[in-house]
Amino acid sequence: MKRVIVDYKKLNRHVLDLLVEKYPDGYDDRDIVTYRNADNEIVECIEVRTEDTAYLVKVSKRLVMAMEDHEESDNDSDEETSLDTDGLETSEEE
């Protein structure tokens, strides 16, 4: 399975939809996956999966705000918005 590590700033609409669907009331400590990056820094993420990809989305206060804003915008309008997906970090692990 392909694993993709992504910051909330780089989320595309599809992944944001999956996050809001999986965590409609937000996430808590038991949902957080922790690992050390190449610089030996602790990184906290939440995971959401598709059939072929596991997305690890870096946790931050701004992620919570983005999920809330996304959910509100879905309720307000059916307009498509494009989020920047350049710069996604990917790593192939099985």
Protein backbone atom coordinates (compact mmCIF):
# COMPACT_ATOMS: atom_id res chain seq x y z
CA MET A 1 0.00 0.00 0.00
CA LYS A 2 1.28 3.44 -0.90
CA ARG A 3 1.78 5.80 2.07
CA VAL A 4 1.58 9.55 1.62
CA ILE A 5 2.55 12.05 4.32
CA VAL A 6 0.92 15.42 3.80
CA ASP A 7 0.63 18.73 5.64
CA TYR A 8 -2.82 20.25 5.97
CA LYS A 9 -1.75 23.11 3.65
CA LYS A 10 -1.25 20.60 0.85
CA LEU A 11 -4.50 18.66 1.24
CA ASN A 12 -6.57 18.10 -1.84
CA ARG A 13 -10.34 18.14 -1.66
CA HIS A 14 -10.63 14.35 -1.87
CA VAL A 15 -8.42 13.74 1.20
CA LEU A 16 -10.17 16.53 3.11
CA ASP A 17 -13.53 14.89 2.29
CA LEU A 18 -12.21 11.57 3.62
CA LEU A 19 -10.97 13.21 6.84
CA VAL A 20 -14.28 14.95 7.49
CA GLU A 21 -16.14 11.71 6.78
CA LYS A 22 -13.90 9.61 9.05
CA TYR A 23 -13.71 12.18 11.87
CA PRO A 24 -17.04 14.08 11.72
CA ASP A 25 -16.74 15.10 15.38
CA GLY A 26 -12.98 15.66 15.24
CA TYR A 27 -10.21 13.30 16.29
CA ASP A 28 -8.72 12.56 19.69
CA ASP A 29 -5.45 11.21 21.10
CA ARG A 30 -6.17 7.57 20.22
CA ASP A 31 -6.49 8.52 16.53
CA ILE A 32 -3.01 10.09 16.39
CA VAL A 33 -0.10 8.20 14.83
CA THR A 34 3.34 9.34 16.04
CA TYR A 35 6.67 8.81 14.27
CA ARG A 36 10.10 10.41 13.97
CA ASN A 37 11.03 12.08 10.68
CA ALA A 38 14.46 12.16 9.00
CA ASP A 39 15.50 15.04 11.30
CA ASN A 40 14.57 12.92 14.35
CA GLU A 41 11.66 15.24 15.15
CA ILE A 42 8.43 13.78 16.51
CA VAL A 43 5.59 14.16 14.02
CA GLU A 44 1.94 13.53 14.86
CA CYS A 45 -0.54 12.56 12.15
CA ILE A 46 -4.01 11.18 11.67
CA GLU A 47 -4.57 8.46 9.11
CA VAL A 48 -7.18 8.11 6.41
CA ARG A 49 -7.16 5.36 3.79
CA THR A 50 -8.38 4.76 0.28
CA GLU A 51 -8.26 1.39 -1.48
CA ASP A 52 -4.62 1.83 -2.49
CA THR A 53 -3.23 4.67 -0.36
CA ALA A 54 -2.80 5.45 3.33
CA TYR A 55 -2.63 9.21 3.93
CA LEU A 56 -0.92 10.45 7.08
CA VAL A 57 -2.03 14.05 7.61
CA LYS A 58 0.15 16.08 9.95
CA VAL A 59 -1.78 17.26 13.00
CA SER A 60 -2.02 20.96 13.82
CA LYS A 61 -4.56 23.47 15.07
CA ARG A 62 -4.92 24.65 11.49
CA LEU A 63 -5.94 21.15 10.37
CA VAL A 64 -8.91 21.27 12.75
CA MET A 65 -9.89 24.70 11.38
CA ALA A 66 -9.52 23.46 7.77
CA MET A 67 -11.76 20.45 8.48
CA GLU A 68 -14.38 22.67 10.14
CA ASP A 69 -14.26 25.22 7.32
CA HIS A 70 -14.52 22.44 4.72
CA GLU A 71 -17.55 20.93 6.42
CA GLU A 72 -19.22 24.37 6.62
CA SER A 73 -18.46 25.13 2.97
CA ASP A 74 -20.00 21.79 1.93
CA ASN A 75 -23.16 22.77 3.75
CA ASP A 76 -23.18 26.29 2.27
CA SER A 77 -22.31 25.51 -1.35
CA ASP A 78 -21.69 22.70 -3.79
CA GLU A 79 -18.90 24.66 -5.54
CA GLU A 80 -15.66 22.81 -6.24
CA THR A 81 -12.60 24.38 -4.69
CA SER A 82 -9.09 23.36 -5.55
CA LEU A 83 -6.52 22.97 -2.82
CA ASP A 84 -2.80 23.01 -3.57
CA THR A 85 -1.47 19.46 -3.89
CA ASP A 86 2.07 20.33 -5.00
CA GLY A 87 4.78 19.18 -2.68
CA LEU A 88 3.12 16.07 -1.25
CA GLU A 89 5.69 13.96 0.52
CA THR A 90 5.39 10.34 -0.55
CA SER A 91 7.02 7.18 0.59
CA GLU A 92 6.35 3.69 -0.67
CA GLU A 93 6.06 1.33 2.30
CA GLU A 94 4.24 -1.96 2.65
